[in-house]
Amino acid sequence: MDSVDNFYHIKNQLKTNFNNTKIIVVTKSFNLDKINPLLRIGHLHFGENKVQEAVSKWSSVLKKSCDINLHLLGHLQSNKVSEVVGLFNFVHSLDSEKLAIKFKEAENNINRKLKYFIQVNIGAETQKYGIPVSEVSNFLKFCRNETHLNVIGLMCIPPISINPSNYFSQLKELSTSNNLSELSMGMSNDYMEAVKCGATFVRIGSAIFGKRI
């Protein structure tokens, strides 16, 4: 199947019971020739991990279509924040007070508001970024009260080679206890487990485009 067929297959899987779940098509390392078929069928949510790749790939596209929602999925260095605020609509990797302050300043500079997910280190893995579970509530209060960022939900990447359902359920409970409505969790290999646990956004790349080279 080609990318459009793969996309519709996934969309139909979700449609029966999880019709409110949005698919973020992860386009990192894929060029516009691969992406254009999905643009032509009217899909609007796309995700990139690297700011410079996104700028070079999407700047001209976004000038032609203001309806597209571009999601930053990867870890971000603070010196890239201004570029992010000028290009992206959603950030899924908010994970420090320093970054929150930088986003506040950048938003104020161009009078533009983004939507944010706090990245949670749900498995307490030392090699991964994210706010520890025990600190999420305090960090959310900081973002709301000190920087006034529009935090809409939580995001996680569970440990590999372990059934992710318990981690997804834990993030759902954490979201509910903090009065957040959106959950960014689930990728190509575990999106069905994620939506069963309440994911409202799933991040899917290889299951649509095939393996990255």
C-alpha atoms as a PDB file:
ATOM      1  CA  MET A   1       0.000   0.000   0.000  1.00  0.00           C
ATOM      2  CA  ASP A   2       1.108   3.568  -0.590  1.00  0.00           C
ATOM      3  CA  SER A   3       1.127   6.300   2.048  1.00  0.00           C
ATOM      4  CA  VAL A   4      -2.454   7.383   1.397  1.00  0.00           C
ATOM      5  CA  ASP A   5      -3.721   3.805   1.644  1.00  0.00           C
ATOM      6  CA  ASN A   6      -1.763   3.322   4.863  1.00  0.00           C
ATOM      7  CA  PHE A   7      -3.151   6.558   6.263  1.00  0.00           C
ATOM      8  CA  TYR A   8      -6.752   5.598   5.511  1.00  0.00           C
ATOM      9  CA  HIS A   9      -6.181   2.138   6.965  1.00  0.00           C
ATOM     10  CA  ILE A  10      -5.088   3.691  10.260  1.00  0.00           C
ATOM     11  CA  LYS A  11      -7.841   6.290  10.152  1.00  0.00           C
ATOM     12  CA  ASN A  12     -10.461   3.585   9.637  1.00  0.00           C
ATOM     13  CA  GLN A  13      -9.041   1.590  12.548  1.00  0.00           C
ATOM     14  CA  LEU A  14      -9.604   4.605  14.782  1.00  0.00           C
ATOM     15  CA  LYS A  15     -12.910   5.705  13.307  1.00  0.00           C
ATOM     16  CA  THR A  16     -15.133   3.043  14.833  1.00  0.00           C
ATOM     17  CA  ASN A  17     -14.404   3.737  18.492  1.00  0.00           C
ATOM     18  CA  PHE A  18     -11.831   6.529  18.618  1.00  0.00           C
ATOM     19  CA  ASN A  19     -13.066   9.016  16.030  1.00  0.00           C
ATOM     20  CA  ASN A  20     -11.887  12.021  18.048  1.00  0.00           C
ATOM     21  CA  THR A  21      -8.240  10.924  17.965  1.00  0.00           C
ATOM     22  CA  LYS A  22      -6.135  13.075  15.633  1.00  0.00           C
ATOM     23  CA  ILE A  23      -3.346  11.550  13.573  1.00  0.00           C
ATOM     24  CA  ILE A  24      -0.119  13.525  13.452  1.00  0.00           C
ATOM     25  CA  VAL A  25       1.716  12.327  10.353  1.00  0.00           C
ATOM     26  CA  VAL A  26       5.392  12.368  11.324  1.00  0.00           C
ATOM     27  CA  THR A  27       7.315  13.621   8.308  1.00  0.00           C
ATOM     28  CA  LYS A  28      10.867  13.853   9.632  1.00  0.00           C
ATOM     29  CA  SER A  29      13.401  12.787   6.962  1.00  0.00           C
ATOM     30  CA  PHE A  30      10.683  12.589   4.277  1.00  0.00           C
ATOM     31  CA  ASN A  31      10.589  15.196   1.520  1.00  0.00           C
ATOM     32  CA  LEU A  32       7.562  16.954   0.070  1.00  0.00           C
ATOM     33  CA  ASP A  33       7.255  14.455  -2.771  1.00  0.00           C
ATOM     34  CA  LYS A  34       6.326  11.890  -0.122  1.00  0.00           C
ATOM     35  CA  ILE A  35       4.155  14.316   1.842  1.00  0.00           C
ATOM     36  CA  ASN A  36       2.180  15.901  -1.001  1.00  0.00           C
ATOM     37  CA  PRO A  37      -0.242  12.977  -1.508  1.00  0.00           C
ATOM     38  CA  LEU A  38      -1.422  13.444   2.094  1.00  0.00           C
ATOM     39  CA  LEU A  39      -1.709  17.189   1.612  1.00  0.00           C
ATOM     40  CA  ARG A  40      -3.840  16.587  -1.475  1.00  0.00           C
ATOM     41  CA  ILE A  41      -6.377  14.503   0.462  1.00  0.00           C
ATOM     42  CA  GLY A  42      -6.714  17.349   2.966  1.00  0.00           C
ATOM     43  CA  HIS A  43      -4.829  16.048   5.975  1.00  0.00           C
ATOM     44  CA  LEU A  44      -3.809  18.920   8.244  1.00  0.00           C
ATOM     45  CA  HIS A  45      -1.679  17.614  11.158  1.00  0.00           C
ATOM     46  CA  PHE A  46       2.023  16.979  10.524  1.00  0.00           C
ATOM     47  CA  GLY A  47       4.955  16.508  12.902  1.00  0.00           C
ATOM     48  CA  GLU A  48       8.653  17.310  12.680  1.00  0.00           C
ATOM     49  CA  ASN A  49      11.482  16.618  15.128  1.00  0.00           C
ATOM     50  CA  LYS A  50      14.094  19.113  13.949  1.00  0.00           C
ATOM     51  CA  VAL A  51      13.493  22.835  13.602  1.00  0.00           C
ATOM     52  CA  GLN A  52      15.834  23.500  10.686  1.00  0.00           C
ATOM     53  CA  GLU A  53      14.424  20.622   8.655  1.00  0.00           C
ATOM     54  CA  ALA A  54      10.923  21.921   9.301  1.00  0.00           C
ATOM     55  CA  VAL A  55      11.829  25.477   8.290  1.00  0.00           C
ATOM     56  CA  SER A  56      13.333  24.404   4.973  1.00  0.00           C
ATOM     57  CA  LYS A  57      10.545  21.944   4.204  1.00  0.00           C
ATOM     58  CA  TRP A  58       7.381  23.676   5.410  1.00  0.00           C
ATOM     59  CA  SER A  59       7.877  27.449   5.158  1.00  0.00           C
ATOM     60  CA  SER A  60       6.663  27.715   1.561  1.00  0.00           C
ATOM     61  CA  VAL A  61       3.850  25.205   2.120  1.00  0.00           C
ATOM     62  CA  LEU A  62       2.473  27.109   5.107  1.00  0.00           C
ATOM     63  CA  LYS A  63       2.374  30.333   3.112  1.00  0.00           C
ATOM     64  CA  LYS A  64      -0.038  28.643   0.701  1.00  0.00           C
ATOM     65  CA  SER A  65      -2.154  26.846   3.325  1.00  0.00           C
ATOM     66  CA  CYS A  66      -2.753  28.439   6.699  1.00  0.00           C
ATOM     67  CA  ASP A  67      -4.982  25.522   7.759  1.00  0.00           C
ATOM     68  CA  ILE A  68      -2.063  23.122   8.260  1.00  0.00           C
ATOM     69  CA  ASN A  69      -1.091  22.439  11.862  1.00  0.00           C
ATOM     70  CA  LEU A  70       2.610  21.782  12.340  1.00  0.00           C
ATOM     71  CA  HIS A  71       3.668  19.940  15.508  1.00  0.00           C
ATOM     72  CA  LEU A  72       7.155  20.068  17.018  1.00  0.00           C
ATOM     73  CA  LEU A  73       7.819  16.613  18.461  1.00  0.00           C
ATOM     74  CA  GLY A  74      11.533  16.553  19.231  1.00  0.00           C
ATOM     75  CA  HIS A  75      13.619  17.935  22.062  1.00  0.00           C
ATOM     76  CA  LEU A  76      14.282  21.641  21.648  1.00  0.00           C
ATOM     77  CA  GLN A  77      17.255  23.846  22.429  1.00  0.00           C
ATOM     78  CA  SER A  78      16.267  27.248  23.770  1.00  0.00           C
ATOM     79  CA  ASN A  79      18.081  29.145  20.993  1.00  0.00           C
ATOM     80  CA  LYS A  80      15.582  27.744  18.465  1.00  0.00           C
ATOM     81  CA  VAL A  81      12.462  28.974  20.266  1.00  0.00           C
ATOM     82  CA  SER A  82      11.889  32.080  18.124  1.00  0.00           C
ATOM     83  CA  GLU A  83      11.914  29.995  14.941  1.00  0.00           C
ATOM     84  CA  VAL A  84       9.485  27.538  16.502  1.00  0.00           C
ATOM     85  CA  VAL A  85       6.989  30.217  17.491  1.00  0.00           C
ATOM     86  CA  GLY A  86       7.074  31.643  13.979  1.00  0.00           C
ATOM     87  CA  LEU A  87       6.396  28.309  12.269  1.00  0.00           C
ATOM     88  CA  PHE A  88       4.757  25.700  14.490  1.00  0.00           C
ATOM     89  CA  ASN A  89       1.263  25.527  15.993  1.00  0.00           C
ATOM     90  CA  PHE A  90       1.870  22.839  18.637  1.00  0.00           C
ATOM     91  CA  VAL A  91       4.874  21.956  20.791  1.00  0.00           C
ATOM     92  CA  HIS A  92       4.926  18.466  22.318  1.00  0.00           C
ATOM     93  CA  SER A  93       8.243  18.738  24.158  1.00  0.00           C
ATOM     94  CA  LEU A  94       7.908  21.441  26.797  1.00  0.00           C
ATOM     95  CA  ASP A  95      10.133  20.172  29.598  1.00  0.00           C
ATOM     96  CA  SER A  96      11.787  22.984  31.575  1.00  0.00           C
ATOM     97  CA  GLU A  97      11.097  26.345  33.185  1.00  0.00           C
ATOM     98  CA  LYS A  98      13.885  27.887  31.087  1.00  0.00           C
ATOM     99  CA  LEU A  99      12.150  26.753  27.914  1.00  0.00           C
ATOM    100  CA  ALA A 100       8.764  27.971  29.146  1.00  0.00           C
ATOM    101  CA  ILE A 101      10.174  31.439  29.819  1.00  0.00           C
ATOM    102  CA  LYS A 102      11.779  31.540  26.367  1.00  0.00           C
ATOM    103  CA  PHE A 103       8.470  30.617  24.759  1.00  0.00           C
ATOM    104  CA  LYS A 104       6.667  33.337  26.696  1.00  0.00           C
ATOM    105  CA  GLU A 105       9.152  35.930  25.462  1.00  0.00           C
ATOM    106  CA  ALA A 106       9.004  34.720  21.864  1.00  0.00           C
ATOM    107  CA  GLU A 107       5.199  34.652  21.846  1.00  0.00           C
ATOM    108  CA  ASN A 108       5.047  38.197  23.182  1.00  0.00           C
ATOM    109  CA  ASN A 109       7.539  39.398  20.562  1.00  0.00           C
ATOM    110  CA  ILE A 110       5.328  38.420  17.638  1.00  0.00           C
ATOM    111  CA  ASN A 111       1.924  38.297  19.377  1.00  0.00           C
ATOM    112  CA  ARG A 112       1.321  34.640  18.553  1.00  0.00           C
ATOM    113  CA  LYS A 113       0.133  31.854  20.853  1.00  0.00           C
ATOM    114  CA  LEU A 114       0.998  28.180  20.474  1.00  0.00           C
ATOM    115  CA  LYS A 115      -0.490  25.103  22.097  1.00  0.00           C
ATOM    116  CA  TYR A 116       1.779  23.060  24.362  1.00  0.00           C
ATOM    117  CA  PHE A 117       2.125  19.541  25.697  1.00  0.00           C
ATOM    118  CA  ILE A 118       4.317  18.948  28.723  1.00  0.00           C
ATOM    119  CA  GLN A 119       6.671  16.063  27.978  1.00  0.00           C
ATOM    120  CA  VAL A 120       6.612  13.614  30.882  1.00  0.00           C
ATOM    121  CA  ASN A 121       9.418  11.137  31.528  1.00  0.00           C
ATOM    122  CA  ILE A 122       6.849   8.490  32.270  1.00  0.00           C
ATOM    123  CA  GLY A 123       9.351   5.645  32.685  1.00  0.00           C
ATOM    124  CA  ALA A 124      11.895   7.646  34.728  1.00  0.00           C
ATOM    125  CA  GLU A 125      14.553   6.858  32.115  1.00  0.00           C
ATOM    126  CA  THR A 126      17.831   8.722  32.520  1.00  0.00           C
ATOM    127  CA  GLN A 127      18.463   8.862  28.760  1.00  0.00           C
ATOM    128  CA  LYS A 128      15.135  10.548  27.987  1.00  0.00           C
ATOM    129  CA  TYR A 129      13.957  14.105  28.328  1.00  0.00           C
ATOM    130  CA  GLY A 130      10.815  15.105  30.188  1.00  0.00           C
ATOM    131  CA  ILE A 131       9.438  16.277  33.498  1.00  0.00           C
ATOM    132  CA  PRO A 132       9.435  13.630  36.273  1.00  0.00           C
ATOM    133  CA  VAL A 133       5.952  12.405  37.131  1.00  0.00           C
ATOM    134  CA  SER A 134       6.206  13.814  40.656  1.00  0.00           C
ATOM    135  CA  GLU A 135       6.954  17.321  39.339  1.00  0.00           C
ATOM    136  CA  VAL A 136       4.298  17.623  36.626  1.00  0.00           C
ATOM    137  CA  SER A 137       1.698  19.432  38.749  1.00  0.00           C
ATOM    138  CA  ASN A 138       4.152  22.080  39.963  1.00  0.00           C
ATOM    139  CA  PHE A 139       5.565  22.591  36.486  1.00  0.00           C
ATOM    140  CA  LEU A 140       2.068  22.986  35.074  1.00  0.00           C
ATOM    141  CA  LYS A 141       1.288  25.632  37.700  1.00  0.00           C
ATOM    142  CA  PHE A 142       4.457  27.484  36.726  1.00  0.00           C
ATOM    143  CA  CYS A 143       3.496  27.425  33.058  1.00  0.00           C
ATOM    144  CA  ARG A 144      -0.027  28.624  33.786  1.00  0.00           C
ATOM    145  CA  ASN A 145       0.710  31.247  36.430  1.00  0.00           C
ATOM    146  CA  GLU A 146       4.162  32.559  35.530  1.00  0.00           C
ATOM    147  CA  THR A 147       4.396  32.250  31.750  1.00  0.00           C
ATOM    148  CA  HIS A 148       0.699  31.965  30.799  1.00  0.00           C
ATOM    149  CA  LEU A 149       1.472  29.399  28.123  1.00  0.00           C
ATOM    150  CA  ASN A 150      -1.497  27.555  26.668  1.00  0.00           C
ATOM    151  CA  VAL A 151      -0.721  24.088  27.999  1.00  0.00           C
ATOM    152  CA  ILE A 152      -3.382  21.736  26.643  1.00  0.00           C
ATOM    153  CA  GLY A 153      -2.051  18.316  27.606  1.00  0.00           C
ATOM    154  CA  LEU A 154       0.714  15.829  28.349  1.00  0.00           C
ATOM    155  CA  MET A 155       3.010  13.824  26.099  1.00  0.00           C
ATOM    156  CA  CYS A 156       5.098  10.734  26.729  1.00  0.00           C
ATOM    157  CA  ILE A 157       7.334   8.175  25.050  1.00  0.00           C
ATOM    158  CA  PRO A 158       7.167   4.962  27.101  1.00  0.00           C
ATOM    159  CA  PRO A 159      10.124   2.603  27.519  1.00  0.00           C
ATOM    160  CA  ILE A 160      10.738   0.326  24.564  1.00  0.00           C
ATOM    161  CA  SER A 161      10.381  -3.454  24.737  1.00  0.00           C
ATOM    162  CA  ILE A 162       7.820  -3.165  27.550  1.00  0.00           C
ATOM    163  CA  ASN A 163       4.047  -3.252  27.222  1.00  0.00           C
ATOM    164  CA  PRO A 164       3.210   0.473  27.099  1.00  0.00           C
ATOM    165  CA  SER A 165      -0.388   0.246  28.323  1.00  0.00           C
ATOM    166  CA  ASN A 166       0.427   0.816  31.999  1.00  0.00           C
ATOM    167  CA  TYR A 167       2.469   3.906  31.113  1.00  0.00           C
ATOM    168  CA  PHE A 168      -0.305   5.250  28.878  1.00  0.00           C
ATOM    169  CA  SER A 169      -2.855   4.670  31.634  1.00  0.00           C
ATOM    170  CA  GLN A 170      -0.618   6.447  34.132  1.00  0.00           C
ATOM    171  CA  LEU A 171      -0.339   9.469  31.828  1.00  0.00           C
ATOM    172  CA  LYS A 172      -4.115   9.493  31.419  1.00  0.00           C
ATOM    173  CA  GLU A 173      -4.573   9.549  35.197  1.00  0.00           C
ATOM    174  CA  LEU A 174      -1.992  12.323  35.513  1.00  0.00           C
ATOM    175  CA  SER A 175      -3.793  14.308  32.831  1.00  0.00           C
ATOM    176  CA  THR A 176      -7.171  13.921  34.495  1.00  0.00           C
ATOM    177  CA  SER A 177      -5.854  14.898  37.928  1.00  0.00           C
ATOM    178  CA  ASN A 178      -4.441  18.105  36.434  1.00  0.00           C
ATOM    179  CA  ASN A 179      -7.570  18.994  34.432  1.00  0.00           C
ATOM    180  CA  LEU A 180      -5.905  18.599  31.055  1.00  0.00           C
ATOM    181  CA  SER A 181      -7.956  17.397  28.112  1.00  0.00           C
ATOM    182  CA  GLU A 182      -5.350  16.336  25.527  1.00  0.00           C
ATOM    183  CA  LEU A 183      -2.934  13.400  25.460  1.00  0.00           C
ATOM    184  CA  SER A 184      -0.139  12.985  22.911  1.00  0.00           C
ATOM    185  CA  MET A 185       0.919   9.363  23.099  1.00  0.00           C
ATOM    186  CA  GLY A 186       1.293   6.402  20.795  1.00  0.00           C
ATOM    187  CA  MET A 187       3.441   5.920  17.708  1.00  0.00           C
ATOM    188  CA  SER A 188       3.531   3.493  14.780  1.00  0.00           C
ATOM    189  CA  ASN A 189       4.114   0.406  16.913  1.00  0.00           C
ATOM    190  CA  ASP A 190       1.712   1.136  19.788  1.00  0.00           C
ATOM    191  CA  TYR A 191      -0.933   3.640  18.711  1.00  0.00           C
ATOM    192  CA  MET A 192      -3.859   1.275  19.278  1.00  0.00           C
ATOM    193  CA  GLU A 193      -2.808   0.686  22.884  1.00  0.00           C
ATOM    194  CA  ALA A 194      -2.498   4.460  23.285  1.00  0.00           C
ATOM    195  CA  VAL A 195      -5.952   5.305  21.973  1.00  0.00           C
ATOM    196  CA  LYS A 196      -7.518   2.637  24.177  1.00  0.00           C
ATOM    197  CA  CYS A 197      -5.965   4.495  27.121  1.00  0.00           C
ATOM    198  CA  GLY A 198      -7.281   7.869  26.017  1.00  0.00           C
ATOM    199  CA  ALA A 199      -4.824   9.343  23.491  1.00  0.00           C
ATOM    200  CA  THR A 200      -6.268  12.312  21.619  1.00  0.00           C
ATOM    201  CA  PHE A 201      -3.204  12.704  19.364  1.00  0.00           C
ATOM    202  CA  VAL A 202      -1.115   9.839  17.971  1.00  0.00           C
ATOM    203  CA  ARG A 203       2.232  10.403  16.236  1.00  0.00           C
ATOM    204  CA  ILE A 204       2.616   8.064  13.257  1.00  0.00           C
ATOM    205  CA  GLY A 205       5.350   8.046  10.644  1.00  0.00           C
ATOM    206  CA  SER A 206       6.763   4.691   9.560  1.00  0.00           C
ATOM    207  CA  ALA A 207       3.377   2.953   9.562  1.00  0.00           C
ATOM    208  CA  ILE A 208       2.336   5.465   6.888  1.00  0.00           C
ATOM    209  CA  PHE A 209       5.519   6.081   4.888  1.00  0.00           C
ATOM    210  CA  GLY A 210       7.501   2.929   5.556  1.00  0.00           C
ATOM    211  CA  LYS A 211      10.892   2.643   7.201  1.00  0.00           C
ATOM    212  CA  ARG A 212      13.159   5.667   7.152  1.00  0.00           C
ATOM    213  CA  ILE A 213      16.449   5.253   5.304  1.00  0.00           C
END
